[in-house]
Amino acid sequence: MTADETLDCYGLLCPMPIVETAKKINEMKIDEVLEVLSTDEGIKADMPAWCDATGNEFLGIEGEGRDLHVFVRKIAG
């Protein structure tokens, strides 16, 4: 999947990948896609829940183990 921006959250543990995602997504334009790089397995549950809570679109996760690429489309302004 192609992203407009990439956020490196390698080594960060919950809740920091979500905190950093929220900061970065606020800087982006509507319909842009953010790729979040994470080693935290918790992001598999946390990111879809955060997207549901904020109105952004969870596009999926690529990778496995501790090399995860999570994709979010900014919907909410």
C-alpha atoms as a PDB file:
ATOM      1  CA  MET A   1       0.000   0.000   0.000  1.00  0.00           C
ATOM      2  CA  THR A   2       1.237   3.496  -0.780  1.00  0.00           C
ATOM      3  CA  ALA A   3       1.209   6.136   1.957  1.00  0.00           C
ATOM      4  CA  ASP A   4       1.491   9.920   1.831  1.00  0.00           C
ATOM      5  CA  GLU A   5       3.398  10.038   5.140  1.00  0.00           C
ATOM      6  CA  THR A   6       5.284   7.519   7.283  1.00  0.00           C
ATOM      7  CA  LEU A   7       5.542   7.612  11.070  1.00  0.00           C
ATOM      8  CA  ASP A   8       8.299   5.574  12.729  1.00  0.00           C
ATOM      9  CA  CYS A   9       7.078   4.191  16.058  1.00  0.00           C
ATOM     10  CA  TYR A  10       9.566   1.316  16.278  1.00  0.00           C
ATOM     11  CA  GLY A  11      10.382   0.591  19.914  1.00  0.00           C
ATOM     12  CA  LEU A  12       7.429   2.539  21.306  1.00  0.00           C
ATOM     13  CA  LEU A  13       4.965   0.711  23.536  1.00  0.00           C
ATOM     14  CA  CYS A  14       1.268   1.325  24.132  1.00  0.00           C
ATOM     15  CA  PRO A  15      -0.087   3.964  24.216  1.00  0.00           C
ATOM     16  CA  MET A  16       2.697   5.906  22.461  1.00  0.00           C
ATOM     17  CA  PRO A  17       2.119   4.658  18.879  1.00  0.00           C
ATOM     18  CA  ILE A  18      -1.483   5.900  19.128  1.00  0.00           C
ATOM     19  CA  VAL A  19      -0.429   9.195  20.753  1.00  0.00           C
ATOM     20  CA  GLU A  20       2.106   9.811  17.982  1.00  0.00           C
ATOM     21  CA  THR A  21      -0.406   8.769  15.302  1.00  0.00           C
ATOM     22  CA  ALA A  22      -2.928  11.298  16.633  1.00  0.00           C
ATOM     23  CA  LYS A  23      -0.325  14.080  16.499  1.00  0.00           C
ATOM     24  CA  LYS A  24       0.775  13.191  12.961  1.00  0.00           C
ATOM     25  CA  ILE A  25      -2.712  12.694  11.535  1.00  0.00           C
ATOM     26  CA  ASN A  26      -3.666  16.184  12.764  1.00  0.00           C
ATOM     27  CA  GLU A  27      -0.940  17.624  10.502  1.00  0.00           C
ATOM     28  CA  MET A  28      -2.219  15.765   7.435  1.00  0.00           C
ATOM     29  CA  LYS A  29      -4.909  16.618   4.884  1.00  0.00           C
ATOM     30  CA  ILE A  30      -8.235  14.808   4.523  1.00  0.00           C
ATOM     31  CA  ASP A  31      -7.902  11.607   2.414  1.00  0.00           C
ATOM     32  CA  GLU A  32      -4.133  11.329   2.936  1.00  0.00           C
ATOM     33  CA  VAL A  33      -2.817   7.940   4.105  1.00  0.00           C
ATOM     34  CA  LEU A  34      -0.460   7.505   7.045  1.00  0.00           C
ATOM     35  CA  GLU A  35       1.777   4.457   7.397  1.00  0.00           C
ATOM     36  CA  VAL A  36       2.728   3.726  11.009  1.00  0.00           C
ATOM     37  CA  LEU A  37       5.781   1.507  11.544  1.00  0.00           C
ATOM     38  CA  SER A  38       5.479  -0.369  14.824  1.00  0.00           C
ATOM     39  CA  THR A  39       7.017  -3.177  16.840  1.00  0.00           C
ATOM     40  CA  ASP A  40       4.145  -3.154  19.363  1.00  0.00           C
ATOM     41  CA  GLU A  41       1.765  -6.084  18.817  1.00  0.00           C
ATOM     42  CA  GLY A  42      -0.887  -4.138  20.740  1.00  0.00           C
ATOM     43  CA  ILE A  43      -1.300  -1.825  17.764  1.00  0.00           C
ATOM     44  CA  LYS A  44      -3.264  -4.592  16.020  1.00  0.00           C
ATOM     45  CA  ALA A  45      -6.185  -3.942  18.371  1.00  0.00           C
ATOM     46  CA  ASP A  46      -5.417  -0.356  19.355  1.00  0.00           C
ATOM     47  CA  MET A  47      -5.348   1.221  15.886  1.00  0.00           C
ATOM     48  CA  PRO A  48      -8.732  -0.090  14.666  1.00  0.00           C
ATOM     49  CA  ALA A  49     -10.276   1.009  17.984  1.00  0.00           C
ATOM     50  CA  TRP A  50      -8.690   4.459  17.709  1.00  0.00           C
ATOM     51  CA  CYS A  51      -9.939   4.829  14.136  1.00  0.00           C
ATOM     52  CA  ASP A  52     -13.467   3.876  15.217  1.00  0.00           C
ATOM     53  CA  ALA A  53     -13.316   6.409  18.048  1.00  0.00           C
ATOM     54  CA  THR A  54     -11.950   9.257  15.912  1.00  0.00           C
ATOM     55  CA  GLY A  55     -13.738   8.677  12.610  1.00  0.00           C
ATOM     56  CA  ASN A  56     -10.583   7.920  10.632  1.00  0.00           C
ATOM     57  CA  GLU A  57     -10.372   4.897   8.310  1.00  0.00           C
ATOM     58  CA  PHE A  58      -8.344   1.855   9.318  1.00  0.00           C
ATOM     59  CA  LEU A  59      -6.954   0.423   6.071  1.00  0.00           C
ATOM     60  CA  GLY A  60      -5.139  -2.607   7.443  1.00  0.00           C
ATOM     61  CA  ILE A  61      -1.861  -4.034   8.646  1.00  0.00           C
ATOM     62  CA  GLU A  62       0.997  -5.516   6.642  1.00  0.00           C
ATOM     63  CA  GLY A  63       3.896  -7.454   8.083  1.00  0.00           C
ATOM     64  CA  GLU A  64       4.120  -9.796  11.028  1.00  0.00           C
ATOM     65  CA  GLY A  65       5.759 -10.225  14.389  1.00  0.00           C
ATOM     66  CA  ARG A  66       7.602  -7.081  15.412  1.00  0.00           C
ATOM     67  CA  ASP A  67       7.690  -5.490  11.951  1.00  0.00           C
ATOM     68  CA  LEU A  68       4.204  -4.071  11.459  1.00  0.00           C
ATOM     69  CA  HIS A  69       3.068  -1.505   8.903  1.00  0.00           C
ATOM     70  CA  VAL A  70      -0.306  -0.022   9.820  1.00  0.00           C
ATOM     71  CA  PHE A  71      -2.269   2.145   7.397  1.00  0.00           C
ATOM     72  CA  VAL A  72      -4.791   4.850   8.296  1.00  0.00           C
ATOM     73  CA  ARG A  73      -6.654   7.289   6.022  1.00  0.00           C
ATOM     74  CA  LYS A  74      -7.463  10.670   7.520  1.00  0.00           C
ATOM     75  CA  ILE A  75     -11.208  11.178   7.281  1.00  0.00           C
ATOM     76  CA  ALA A  76     -11.969  13.334  10.293  1.00  0.00           C
ATOM     77  CA  GLY A  77     -10.994  16.988  10.257  1.00  0.00           C
END
